[in-house]
C-alpha atoms as a PDB file:
ATOM      1  CA  MET A   1     -11.537   2.758  41.009  1.00  0.00           C
ATOM      2  CA  LYS A   2     -12.229  -0.129  38.728  1.00  0.00           C
ATOM      3  CA  LYS A   3     -12.794   2.259  35.924  1.00  0.00           C
ATOM      4  CA  ASN A   4      -9.294   3.935  36.508  1.00  0.00           C
ATOM      5  CA  THR A   5      -7.653   0.569  36.659  1.00  0.00           C
ATOM      6  CA  ASN A   6      -9.285  -0.429  33.243  1.00  0.00           C
ATOM      7  CA  SER A   7      -8.053   2.940  31.845  1.00  0.00           C
ATOM      8  CA  TYR A   8      -4.482   2.412  32.978  1.00  0.00           C
ATOM      9  CA  LEU A   9      -4.509  -1.200  31.702  1.00  0.00           C
ATOM     10  CA  ARG A  10      -5.700   0.034  28.414  1.00  0.00           C
ATOM     11  CA  TYR A  11      -3.117   2.751  28.123  1.00  0.00           C
ATOM     12  CA  ALA A  12      -0.441   0.266  29.133  1.00  0.00           C
ATOM     13  CA  VAL A  13      -1.370  -2.146  26.316  1.00  0.00           C
ATOM     14  CA  ILE A  14      -1.555   0.757  23.796  1.00  0.00           C
ATOM     15  CA  THR A  15       1.848   1.991  24.922  1.00  0.00           C
ATOM     16  CA  ILE A  16       3.465  -1.520  24.574  1.00  0.00           C
ATOM     17  CA  MET A  17       1.910  -1.908  21.074  1.00  0.00           C
ATOM     18  CA  ALA A  18       3.219   1.499  20.005  1.00  0.00           C
ATOM     19  CA  LEU A  19       6.709   0.754  21.248  1.00  0.00           C
ATOM     20  CA  PHE A  20       6.634  -2.592  19.564  1.00  0.00           C
ATOM     21  CA  THR A  21       5.546  -0.963  16.227  1.00  0.00           C
ATOM     22  CA  LEU A  22       8.003   1.906  16.433  1.00  0.00           C
ATOM     23  CA  PHE A  23      11.023  -0.157  17.374  1.00  0.00           C
ATOM     24  CA  PRO A  24      12.086  -1.171  13.819  1.00  0.00           C
ATOM     25  CA  VAL A  25      11.808   2.511  12.724  1.00  0.00           C
ATOM     26  CA  VAL A  26      13.889   3.697  15.708  1.00  0.00           C
ATOM     27  CA  PHE A  27      16.405   0.874  15.082  1.00  0.00           C
ATOM     28  CA  LEU A  28      16.724   1.944  11.459  1.00  0.00           C
ATOM     29  CA  VAL A  29      17.176   5.644  12.226  1.00  0.00           C
ATOM     30  CA  LEU A  30      19.820   4.960  14.806  1.00  0.00           C
ATOM     31  CA  ASN A  31      21.920   2.734  12.510  1.00  0.00           C
ATOM     32  CA  SER A  32      21.562   4.999   9.456  1.00  0.00           C
ATOM     33  CA  PHE A  33      24.039   7.522  10.985  1.00  0.00           C
ATOM     34  CA  LYS A  34      26.641   4.985  12.134  1.00  0.00           C
ATOM     35  CA  SER A  35      29.716   3.448  10.547  1.00  0.00           C
ATOM     36  CA  GLN A  36      29.882  -0.250   9.816  1.00  0.00           C
ATOM     37  CA  THR A  37      31.944  -0.805  12.936  1.00  0.00           C
ATOM     38  CA  GLU A  38      29.618   0.989  15.210  1.00  0.00           C
ATOM     39  CA  ILE A  39      26.632  -0.924  13.844  1.00  0.00           C
ATOM     40  CA  VAL A  40      28.248  -4.284  14.376  1.00  0.00           C
ATOM     41  CA  LYS A  41      29.652  -3.417  17.784  1.00  0.00           C
ATOM     42  CA  SER A  42      26.542  -1.686  19.299  1.00  0.00           C
ATOM     43  CA  PRO A  43      23.447  -1.624  17.067  1.00  0.00           C
ATOM     44  CA  MET A  44      21.181  -0.349  19.764  1.00  0.00           C
ATOM     45  CA  ALA A  45      23.482   2.569  20.849  1.00  0.00           C
ATOM     46  CA  PHE A  46      23.041   6.176  19.710  1.00  0.00           C
ATOM     47  CA  PRO A  47      25.496   7.223  17.036  1.00  0.00           C
ATOM     48  CA  GLN A  48      28.788   8.755  18.406  1.00  0.00           C
ATOM     49  CA  ASN A  49      28.456  11.573  15.774  1.00  0.00           C
ATOM     50  CA  PHE A  50      25.425  12.314  13.813  1.00  0.00           C
ATOM     51  CA  SER A  51      26.657  12.543  10.241  1.00  0.00           C
ATOM     52  CA  PHE A  52      24.843  12.593   6.890  1.00  0.00           C
ATOM     53  CA  GLU A  53      27.925  11.170   5.078  1.00  0.00           C
ATOM     54  CA  TYR A  54      26.488   7.649   5.136  1.00  0.00           C
ATOM     55  CA  ILE A  55      23.206   8.807   3.574  1.00  0.00           C
ATOM     56  CA  GLN A  56      25.182  10.741   0.919  1.00  0.00           C
ATOM     57  CA  THR A  57      27.333   7.632   0.205  1.00  0.00           C
ATOM     58  CA  ALA A  58      24.169   5.480  -0.094  1.00  0.00           C
ATOM     59  CA  ILE A  59      22.707   8.098  -2.564  1.00  0.00           C
ATOM     60  CA  GLU A  60      25.837   8.037  -4.700  1.00  0.00           C
ATOM     61  CA  LYS A  61      26.571   4.274  -4.742  1.00  0.00           C
ATOM     62  CA  ILE A  62      23.045   3.006  -5.123  1.00  0.00           C
ATOM     63  CA  ASN A  63      21.891   5.706  -7.627  1.00  0.00           C
ATOM     64  CA  ILE A  64      19.055   6.752  -5.349  1.00  0.00           C
ATOM     65  CA  GLY A  65      18.306   9.727  -7.477  1.00  0.00           C
ATOM     66  CA  SER A  66      17.336   7.841 -10.694  1.00  0.00           C
ATOM     67  CA  SER A  67      15.658   5.114  -8.663  1.00  0.00           C
ATOM     68  CA  PHE A  68      13.611   7.737  -6.717  1.00  0.00           C
ATOM     69  CA  VAL A  69      12.470   9.499  -9.930  1.00  0.00           C
ATOM     70  CA  LEU A  70      11.454   6.151 -11.592  1.00  0.00           C
ATOM     71  CA  THR A  71       9.569   5.013  -8.413  1.00  0.00           C
ATOM     72  CA  LEU A  72       7.793   8.386  -8.159  1.00  0.00           C
ATOM     73  CA  VAL A  73       6.776   8.308 -11.893  1.00  0.00           C
ATOM     74  CA  ILE A  74       5.443   4.772 -11.615  1.00  0.00           C
ATOM     75  CA  THR A  75       3.530   5.566  -8.294  1.00  0.00           C
ATOM     76  CA  VAL A  76       1.998   8.784  -9.652  1.00  0.00           C
ATOM     77  CA  LEU A  77       0.933   7.418 -12.995  1.00  0.00           C
ATOM     78  CA  SER A  78      -0.353   4.154 -11.510  1.00  0.00           C
ATOM     79  CA  VAL A  79      -2.421   5.842  -8.843  1.00  0.00           C
ATOM     80  CA  ALA A  80      -3.790   8.398 -11.377  1.00  0.00           C
ATOM     81  CA  LEU A  81      -4.839   5.466 -13.655  1.00  0.00           C
ATOM     82  CA  ILE A  82      -6.518   3.682 -10.785  1.00  0.00           C
ATOM     83  CA  ILE A  83      -8.449   6.815  -9.691  1.00  0.00           C
ATOM     84  CA  LEU A  84      -9.612   7.667 -13.183  1.00  0.00           C
ATOM     85  CA  VAL A  85     -10.726   4.237 -14.224  1.00  0.00           C
ATOM     86  CA  SER A  86     -12.199   3.122 -10.891  1.00  0.00           C
ATOM     87  CA  SER A  87     -14.162   6.193 -10.089  1.00  0.00           C
ATOM     88  CA  ALA A  88     -15.589   6.553 -13.680  1.00  0.00           C
ATOM     89  CA  ALA A  89     -16.508   2.807 -13.656  1.00  0.00           C
ATOM     90  CA  ALA A  90     -18.155   2.938 -10.304  1.00  0.00           C
ATOM     91  CA  TRP A  91     -20.125   6.089 -11.331  1.00  0.00           C
ATOM     92  CA  MET A  92     -21.454   4.364 -14.396  1.00  0.00           C
ATOM     93  CA  MET A  93     -22.385   1.218 -12.449  1.00  0.00           C
ATOM     94  CA  VAL A  94     -24.302   3.205  -9.832  1.00  0.00           C
ATOM     95  CA  ARG A  95     -26.138   5.482 -12.276  1.00  0.00           C
ATOM     96  CA  PHE A  96     -27.028   2.805 -14.901  1.00  0.00           C
ATOM     97  CA  LYS A  97     -28.174   0.142 -12.498  1.00  0.00           C
ATOM     98  CA  SER A  98     -28.805  -3.275 -14.271  1.00  0.00           C
ATOM     99  CA  LYS A  99     -28.082  -6.910 -13.890  1.00  0.00           C
ATOM    100  CA  LEU A 100     -24.812  -6.423 -15.850  1.00  0.00           C
ATOM    101  CA  SER A 101     -23.557  -3.691 -13.578  1.00  0.00           C
ATOM    102  CA  THR A 102     -24.309  -5.868 -10.568  1.00  0.00           C
ATOM    103  CA  VAL A 103     -22.517  -8.843 -11.982  1.00  0.00           C
ATOM    104  CA  LEU A 104     -19.559  -6.600 -12.821  1.00  0.00           C
ATOM    105  CA  LEU A 105     -19.437  -5.220  -9.339  1.00  0.00           C
ATOM    106  CA  LEU A 106     -19.564  -8.752  -7.893  1.00  0.00           C
ATOM    107  CA  CYS A 107     -16.682  -9.797 -10.265  1.00  0.00           C
ATOM    108  CA  PHE A 108     -14.483  -6.836  -9.165  1.00  0.00           C
ATOM    109  CA  THR A 109     -15.302  -7.546  -5.516  1.00  0.00           C
ATOM    110  CA  ALA A 110     -14.430 -11.294  -5.887  1.00  0.00           C
ATOM    111  CA  SER A 111     -11.159 -10.397  -7.649  1.00  0.00           C
ATOM    112  CA  MET A 112      -9.856  -8.934  -4.376  1.00  0.00           C
ATOM    113  CA  LEU A 113      -9.773 -12.517  -2.989  1.00  0.00           C
ATOM    114  CA  ILE A 114      -7.518 -13.844  -5.723  1.00  0.00           C
ATOM    115  CA  PRO A 115      -3.837 -13.732  -4.500  1.00  0.00           C
ATOM    116  CA  PHE A 116      -1.293 -12.209  -6.895  1.00  0.00           C
ATOM    117  CA  GLN A 117       0.828 -15.327  -6.657  1.00  0.00           C
ATOM    118  CA  ALA A 118      -1.861 -17.363  -8.359  1.00  0.00           C
ATOM    119  CA  ILE A 119      -1.797 -15.289 -11.553  1.00  0.00           C
ATOM    120  CA  MET A 120       1.903 -14.103 -11.336  1.00  0.00           C
ATOM    121  CA  TYR A 121       3.561 -16.159 -14.017  1.00  0.00           C
ATOM    122  CA  PRO A 122       0.773 -16.284 -16.619  1.00  0.00           C
ATOM    123  CA  LEU A 123       0.416 -12.494 -16.234  1.00  0.00           C
ATOM    124  CA  ILE A 124       4.169 -11.943 -16.851  1.00  0.00           C
ATOM    125  CA  SER A 125       4.174 -14.262 -19.780  1.00  0.00           C
ATOM    126  CA  ILE A 126       1.164 -12.540 -21.482  1.00  0.00           C
ATOM    127  CA  PHE A 127       2.629  -9.088 -20.960  1.00  0.00           C
ATOM    128  CA  ASP A 128       5.965 -10.289 -22.219  1.00  0.00           C
ATOM    129  CA  ASN A 129       4.357 -11.702 -25.427  1.00  0.00           C
ATOM    130  CA  MET A 130       2.683  -8.272 -25.829  1.00  0.00           C
ATOM    131  CA  GLY A 131       5.952  -6.468 -25.492  1.00  0.00           C
ATOM    132  CA  LEU A 132       4.872  -4.880 -22.298  1.00  0.00           C
ATOM    133  CA  LYS A 133       7.504  -6.270 -19.896  1.00  0.00           C
ATOM    134  CA  ASN A 134       8.687  -2.699 -19.137  1.00  0.00           C
ATOM    135  CA  VAL A 135       7.795   0.383 -17.140  1.00  0.00           C
ATOM    136  CA  PRO A 136       4.552   1.143 -19.097  1.00  0.00           C
ATOM    137  CA  GLY A 137       3.520  -2.481 -18.631  1.00  0.00           C
ATOM    138  CA  LEU A 138       4.279  -2.250 -14.915  1.00  0.00           C
ATOM    139  CA  ILE A 139       2.044   0.821 -14.644  1.00  0.00           C
ATOM    140  CA  LEU A 140      -0.847  -1.032 -16.447  1.00  0.00           C
ATOM    141  CA  MET A 141      -0.468  -4.045 -14.087  1.00  0.00           C
ATOM    142  CA  TYR A 142      -0.599  -1.775 -10.951  1.00  0.00           C
ATOM    143  CA  GLY A 143      -3.688  -0.066 -12.483  1.00  0.00           C
ATOM    144  CA  GLY A 144      -5.328  -3.493 -12.871  1.00  0.00           C
ATOM    145  CA  PHE A 145      -4.434  -4.824  -9.431  1.00  0.00           C
ATOM    146  CA  GLY A 146      -5.651  -1.642  -7.741  1.00  0.00           C
ATOM    147  CA  LEU A 147      -8.890  -1.234  -9.645  1.00  0.00           C
ATOM    148  CA  SER A 148     -11.042  -3.755  -7.679  1.00  0.00           C
ATOM    149  CA  MET A 149     -10.682  -2.344  -4.190  1.00  0.00           C
ATOM    150  CA  SER A 150     -10.738   1.252  -5.433  1.00  0.00           C
ATOM    151  CA  LEU A 151     -13.926   0.643  -7.454  1.00  0.00           C
ATOM    152  CA  PHE A 152     -15.593  -0.981  -4.326  1.00  0.00           C
ATOM    153  CA  LEU A 153     -14.921   2.139  -2.224  1.00  0.00           C
ATOM    154  CA  TYR A 154     -16.056   4.541  -4.935  1.00  0.00           C
ATOM    155  CA  HIS A 155     -19.173   2.608  -5.584  1.00  0.00           C
ATOM    156  CA  GLY A 156     -20.176   2.687  -1.998  1.00  0.00           C
ATOM    157  CA  PHE A 157     -19.787   6.430  -1.743  1.00  0.00           C
ATOM    158  CA  ILE A 158     -21.303   7.374  -5.085  1.00  0.00           C
ATOM    159  CA  LYS A 159     -24.603   5.662  -3.915  1.00  0.00           C
ATOM    160  CA  SER A 160     -24.882   8.407  -1.389  1.00  0.00           C
ATOM    161  CA  ILE A 161     -24.654  11.203  -3.848  1.00  0.00           C
ATOM    162  CA  PRO A 162     -28.055  12.371  -5.039  1.00  0.00           C
ATOM    163  CA  ALA A 163     -28.579  12.116  -8.739  1.00  0.00           C
ATOM    164  CA  SER A 164     -30.427  15.427  -8.719  1.00  0.00           C
ATOM    165  CA  LEU A 165     -27.043  17.154  -8.557  1.00  0.00           C
ATOM    166  CA  GLU A 166     -26.085  15.635 -11.898  1.00  0.00           C
ATOM    167  CA  GLU A 167     -29.459  16.384 -13.400  1.00  0.00           C
ATOM    168  CA  ALA A 168     -29.213  19.979 -12.451  1.00  0.00           C
ATOM    169  CA  ALA A 169     -25.743  20.188 -14.077  1.00  0.00           C
ATOM    170  CA  ILE A 170     -27.073  18.592 -17.248  1.00  0.00           C
ATOM    171  CA  ILE A 171     -30.022  21.013 -17.374  1.00  0.00           C
ATOM    172  CA  ASP A 172     -27.491  23.852 -17.155  1.00  0.00           C
ATOM    173  CA  GLY A 173     -25.845  22.419 -20.295  1.00  0.00           C
ATOM    174  CA  ALA A 174     -22.965  20.428 -18.857  1.00  0.00           C
ATOM    175  CA  SER A 175     -21.635  17.445 -20.769  1.00  0.00           C
ATOM    176  CA  PRO A 176     -21.163  14.071 -19.144  1.00  0.00           C
ATOM    177  CA  PHE A 177     -17.430  14.731 -18.870  1.00  0.00           C
ATOM    178  CA  GLN A 178     -18.108  18.090 -17.191  1.00  0.00           C
ATOM    179  CA  VAL A 179     -20.527  16.411 -14.803  1.00  0.00           C
ATOM    180  CA  TYR A 180     -17.914  13.883 -13.953  1.00  0.00           C
ATOM    181  CA  PHE A 181     -14.941  16.064 -13.446  1.00  0.00           C
ATOM    182  CA  LYS A 182     -16.748  19.210 -11.962  1.00  0.00           C
ATOM    183  CA  VAL A 183     -19.597  17.574 -10.018  1.00  0.00           C
ATOM    184  CA  ILE A 184     -18.707  14.047  -9.062  1.00  0.00           C
ATOM    185  CA  MET A 185     -14.914  14.209  -8.586  1.00  0.00           C
ATOM    186  CA  PRO A 186     -14.933  17.034  -6.102  1.00  0.00           C
ATOM    187  CA  LEU A 187     -17.494  15.129  -3.992  1.00  0.00           C
ATOM    188  CA  LEU A 188     -15.280  12.029  -4.055  1.00  0.00           C
ATOM    189  CA  LYS A 189     -12.302  13.728  -2.306  1.00  0.00           C
ATOM    190  CA  PRO A 190     -12.437  11.686   0.881  1.00  0.00           C
ATOM    191  CA  THR A 191     -12.526   8.401  -0.889  1.00  0.00           C
ATOM    192  CA  THR A 192      -9.925   9.552  -3.409  1.00  0.00           C
ATOM    193  CA  MET A 193      -7.551  10.350  -0.620  1.00  0.00           C
ATOM    194  CA  THR A 194      -8.018   7.009   0.805  1.00  0.00           C
ATOM    195  CA  VAL A 195      -7.339   5.389  -2.626  1.00  0.00           C
ATOM    196  CA  ILE A 196      -4.185   7.542  -3.049  1.00  0.00           C
ATOM    197  CA  ILE A 197      -2.801   6.534   0.357  1.00  0.00           C
ATOM    198  CA  LEU A 198      -3.526   2.868   0.199  1.00  0.00           C
ATOM    199  CA  ASN A 199      -2.384   2.295  -3.519  1.00  0.00           C
ATOM    200  CA  GLY A 200       0.496   4.785  -3.106  1.00  0.00           C
ATOM    201  CA  MET A 201       1.926   3.057  -0.133  1.00  0.00           C
ATOM    202  CA  TRP A 202       1.625  -0.288  -1.754  1.00  0.00           C
ATOM    203  CA  ILE A 203       3.068   0.625  -5.171  1.00  0.00           C
ATOM    204  CA  TRP A 204       5.950   2.578  -3.565  1.00  0.00           C
ATOM    205  CA  ASN A 205       7.050  -0.286  -1.347  1.00  0.00           C
ATOM    206  CA  ASP A 206       6.358  -3.107  -3.756  1.00  0.00           C
ATOM    207  CA  TYR A 207       9.285  -5.377  -4.589  1.00  0.00           C
ATOM    208  CA  LEU A 208       8.032  -8.487  -6.250  1.00  0.00           C
ATOM    209  CA  LEU A 209       6.220  -7.015  -9.322  1.00  0.00           C
ATOM    210  CA  PRO A 210       9.035  -4.678 -10.324  1.00  0.00           C
ATOM    211  CA  PHE A 211      11.492  -7.441  -9.842  1.00  0.00           C
ATOM    212  CA  LEU A 212       9.520  -9.677 -12.217  1.00  0.00           C
ATOM    213  CA  VAL A 213       8.941  -6.987 -14.821  1.00  0.00           C
ATOM    214  CA  ILE A 214      11.928  -4.693 -14.846  1.00  0.00           C
ATOM    215  CA  GLY A 215      14.452  -6.621 -12.609  1.00  0.00           C
ATOM    216  CA  ASN A 216      17.010  -6.750 -15.442  1.00  0.00           C
ATOM    217  CA  SER A 217      16.548  -3.043 -16.384  1.00  0.00           C
ATOM    218  CA  PRO A 218      19.564  -0.682 -15.799  1.00  0.00           C
ATOM    219  CA  ILE A 219      17.271   1.787 -14.046  1.00  0.00           C
ATOM    220  CA  LYS A 220      15.487   0.210 -11.060  1.00  0.00           C
ATOM    221  CA  THR A 221      12.951   1.172  -8.490  1.00  0.00           C
ATOM    222  CA  LEU A 222      14.028   2.122  -4.963  1.00  0.00           C
ATOM    223  CA  THR A 223      13.193  -1.344  -3.519  1.00  0.00           C
ATOM    224  CA  LEU A 224      15.077  -3.045  -6.352  1.00  0.00           C
ATOM    225  CA  SER A 225      18.059  -0.806  -5.920  1.00  0.00           C
ATOM    226  CA  VAL A 226      18.280  -1.550  -2.247  1.00  0.00           C
ATOM    227  CA  TYR A 227      17.897  -5.271  -2.975  1.00  0.00           C
ATOM    228  CA  PHE A 228      20.564  -5.444  -5.478  1.00  0.00           C
ATOM    229  CA  ALA A 229      22.863  -3.271  -3.321  1.00  0.00           C
ATOM    230  CA  LYS A 230      22.336  -5.803  -0.551  1.00  0.00           C
ATOM    231  CA  ILE A 231      23.173  -8.757  -2.809  1.00  0.00           C
ATOM    232  CA  GLU A 232      26.314  -7.071  -4.167  1.00  0.00           C
ATOM    233  CA  SER A 233      27.548  -6.054  -0.686  1.00  0.00           C
ATOM    234  CA  GLY A 234      26.826  -9.564   0.637  1.00  0.00           C
ATOM    235  CA  GLN A 235      29.572 -10.952  -1.504  1.00  0.00           C
ATOM    236  CA  TYR A 236      32.070  -9.241   0.757  1.00  0.00           C
ATOM    237  CA  GLY A 237      30.066  -9.125   3.968  1.00  0.00           C
ATOM    238  CA  ASN A 238      27.015  -6.960   4.460  1.00  0.00           C
ATOM    239  CA  SER A 239      27.693  -3.244   4.278  1.00  0.00           C
ATOM    240  CA  TRP A 240      25.177  -2.099   6.838  1.00  0.00           C
ATOM    241  CA  ASP A 241      26.346   1.455   6.705  1.00  0.00           C
ATOM    242  CA  LEU A 242      25.108   1.436   3.121  1.00  0.00           C
ATOM    243  CA  ILE A 243      21.886  -0.606   3.503  1.00  0.00           C
ATOM    244  CA  PHE A 244      20.387   1.195   6.575  1.00  0.00           C
ATOM    245  CA  PRO A 245      20.660   4.651   5.004  1.00  0.00           C
ATOM    246  CA  ALA A 246      19.211   3.487   1.683  1.00  0.00           C
ATOM    247  CA  VAL A 247      16.251   1.805   3.484  1.00  0.00           C
ATOM    248  CA  LEU A 248      15.711   5.077   5.474  1.00  0.00           C
ATOM    249  CA  ILE A 249      15.588   7.106   2.193  1.00  0.00           C
ATOM    250  CA  THR A 250      13.181   4.600   0.732  1.00  0.00           C
ATOM    251  CA  ILE A 251      10.545   4.612   3.462  1.00  0.00           C
ATOM    252  CA  THR A 252      10.761   8.297   4.380  1.00  0.00           C
ATOM    253  CA  PRO A 253       8.306   9.564   1.629  1.00  0.00           C
ATOM    254  CA  VAL A 254       5.749   7.016   2.543  1.00  0.00           C
ATOM    255  CA  ILE A 255       5.889   7.776   6.235  1.00  0.00           C
ATOM    256  CA  LEU A 256       5.472  11.550   5.487  1.00  0.00           C
ATOM    257  CA  MET A 257       2.528  10.919   3.226  1.00  0.00           C
ATOM    258  CA  PHE A 258       0.870   8.710   5.760  1.00  0.00           C
ATOM    259  CA  LEU A 259       1.417  11.303   8.551  1.00  0.00           C
ATOM    260  CA  PHE A 260      -0.014  14.167   6.532  1.00  0.00           C
ATOM    261  CA  LEU A 261      -3.028  12.137   5.108  1.00  0.00           C
ATOM    262  CA  GLN A 262      -3.804   9.545   7.786  1.00  0.00           C
ATOM    263  CA  LYS A 263      -6.963  11.296   8.955  1.00  0.00           C
ATOM    264  CA  ASN A 264      -8.464  10.605   5.566  1.00  0.00           C
ATOM    265  CA  ILE A 265      -7.953   6.838   5.698  1.00  0.00           C
ATOM    266  CA  ILE A 266     -10.682   5.897   8.162  1.00  0.00           C
ATOM    267  CA  LYS A 267     -13.065   8.480   6.893  1.00  0.00           C
ATOM    268  CA  GLY A 268     -12.721   7.446   3.259  1.00  0.00           C
ATOM    269  CA  ILE A 269     -12.990   3.758   4.022  1.00  0.00           C
ATOM    270  CA  ALA A 270     -16.030   4.225   6.073  1.00  0.00           C
ATOM    271  CA  ASP A 271     -17.679   6.551   3.547  1.00  0.00           C
ATOM    272  CA  GLY A 272     -16.972   4.124   0.710  1.00  0.00           C
ATOM    273  CA  ALA A 273     -17.756   0.818   2.507  1.00  0.00           C
ATOM    274  CA  VAL A 274     -20.675   1.750   4.767  1.00  0.00           C
ATOM    275  CA  LYS A 275     -22.705   4.320   2.688  1.00  0.00           C
END
């Protein structure tokens, strides 16, 4: 009896937490298919008529198409840069063990404790002086910020890979690049999926760094487009029938990516951190 009571209590707590977590998403979806009048009058009610006209209007007025493409390009290139550099660096640190590699690993690990706000303005100033206050500079910044955690995960996983696999490939005539791309990288798939999910979600949803780097650019990321649309609409009263659909479009790709790849998160983190 006590065991059943504990199970019911546990399920009740989990259900409450799930409802609390899903409430903002449900609220967003409901109001993405309503007119401004419906949203103001009854924000918690279901739409009287489900219509995609508000989503279509948001796409046209906020230039969602160009913003989506730019955000996708930045995210894909930044994540690819993080994966390539962090996995290669972690591989070298594991296979060529020395005091220098240990110090470098400690430096990368310690850098995860430094908040972005502490280096925000010096970093922007340096990149501005180098002529990199643009999209390529933004990609380099994301690559640098995502490097430390990704390297830490890769380093932990690579230690569990037997060096004999690489030695066998070298005996068969493989070059270091072939060993890396054809032997090491396929084995790193679980950790790579985790790196893609964590960094992809962060970069896609990020607002502050794009605002500081390309805030004045004619073409903006999705988060910047939604923000500036909110500012412009706020001059005449918030156009919620424009903001809600725009936010829904912005978060949908991230939600889908998480749903399809969520099983790899725990496995990848555990393999990279524990092993």
